Protein backbone atom coordinates (compact mmCIF):
# COMPACT_ATOMS: atom_id res chain seq x y z
CA MET A 1 0.00 0.00 0.00
CA LYS A 2 1.22 3.46 -0.84
CA SER A 3 1.79 5.99 1.94
CA VAL A 4 -0.80 8.78 1.98
CA ILE A 5 0.08 12.16 3.48
CA THR A 6 -2.63 13.35 5.86
CA ALA A 7 -0.91 16.48 7.26
CA ILE A 8 2.18 18.63 6.89
CA ASP A 9 2.91 20.76 9.95
CA GLU A 10 5.68 23.31 9.58
CA VAL A 11 8.02 23.74 12.54
CA SER A 12 10.78 26.22 13.34
CA PRO A 13 13.97 25.03 11.60
CA ASP A 14 15.64 22.58 13.94
CA GLY A 15 19.19 21.47 13.15
CA GLY A 16 19.14 19.16 16.16
CA ARG A 17 16.53 16.87 14.62
CA ARG A 18 17.50 14.52 11.81
CA CYS A 19 15.51 14.41 8.60
CA SER A 20 13.70 11.06 8.49
CA MET A 21 14.11 10.86 4.72
CA HIS A 22 17.82 11.70 4.51
CA THR A 23 20.22 10.04 6.92
CA VAL A 24 23.27 11.89 8.20
CA PRO A 25 25.67 12.64 6.56
CA SER A 26 23.61 12.56 3.37
CA PRO A 27 24.63 15.00 0.64
CA ASN A 28 20.94 15.12 -0.35
CA CYS A 29 19.71 16.67 2.90
CA SER A 30 19.43 20.42 2.53
CA GLY A 31 19.48 21.27 6.19
CA PRO A 32 17.42 21.33 9.35
CA VAL A 33 14.03 19.75 9.89
CA VAL A 34 11.37 22.27 8.82
CA ALA A 35 8.19 20.18 8.99
CA VAL A 36 6.59 17.05 10.40
CA VAL A 37 4.66 14.97 7.86
CA THR A 38 1.87 12.72 9.10
CA PHE A 39 0.92 9.79 6.88
CA ASP A 40 -1.08 6.58 6.76
CA ASP A 41 0.15 3.37 5.16
CA ALA A 42 -0.06 -0.39 5.55
CA GLY A 43 1.99 -0.10 8.74
CA GLY A 44 -0.65 1.99 10.48
CA THR A 45 -2.08 5.45 10.79
CA GLY A 46 -0.68 8.63 12.25
CA ASN A 47 2.94 7.85 11.37
CA HIS A 48 5.33 10.83 11.46
CA TRP A 49 8.39 11.89 9.47
CA ASN A 50 10.67 14.82 10.27
CA VAL A 51 11.56 16.35 6.90
CA CYS A 52 13.89 18.98 5.48
CA GLN A 53 13.04 21.68 2.93
CA ARG A 54 14.56 19.69 0.06
CA TRP A 55 12.23 16.74 0.73
CA LEU A 56 9.20 19.07 0.85
CA THR A 57 10.08 20.56 -2.54
CA ASP A 58 11.30 17.36 -4.25
CA ASN A 59 8.68 14.84 -3.13
CA PRO A 60 5.76 14.85 -5.62
CA ASP A 61 3.23 13.73 -2.99
CA ALA A 62 4.26 16.53 -0.64
CA VAL A 63 4.08 19.10 -3.45
CA ALA A 64 0.60 17.91 -4.46
CA PHE A 65 -0.61 17.88 -0.84
CA ARG A 66 0.59 21.44 -0.23
CA LYS A 67 -1.11 22.67 -3.42
CA ARG A 68 -4.44 21.26 -2.17
CA GLN A 69 -4.14 23.17 1.13
């Protein structure tokens, strides 16, 4: 089952939290965590990811979700 984003909550940039989508020291991670994404998938509901700005702008599901808001 595909993950479905149910919420994107922006947070103050936090360099102390690791991006859930890019592991340290990933050259793909653009910086601090800027949002928490809530999603549902086969593993359950209300799952959370800490994400960086690059993930928010590169992930097509995140882009589509934000356009609907």
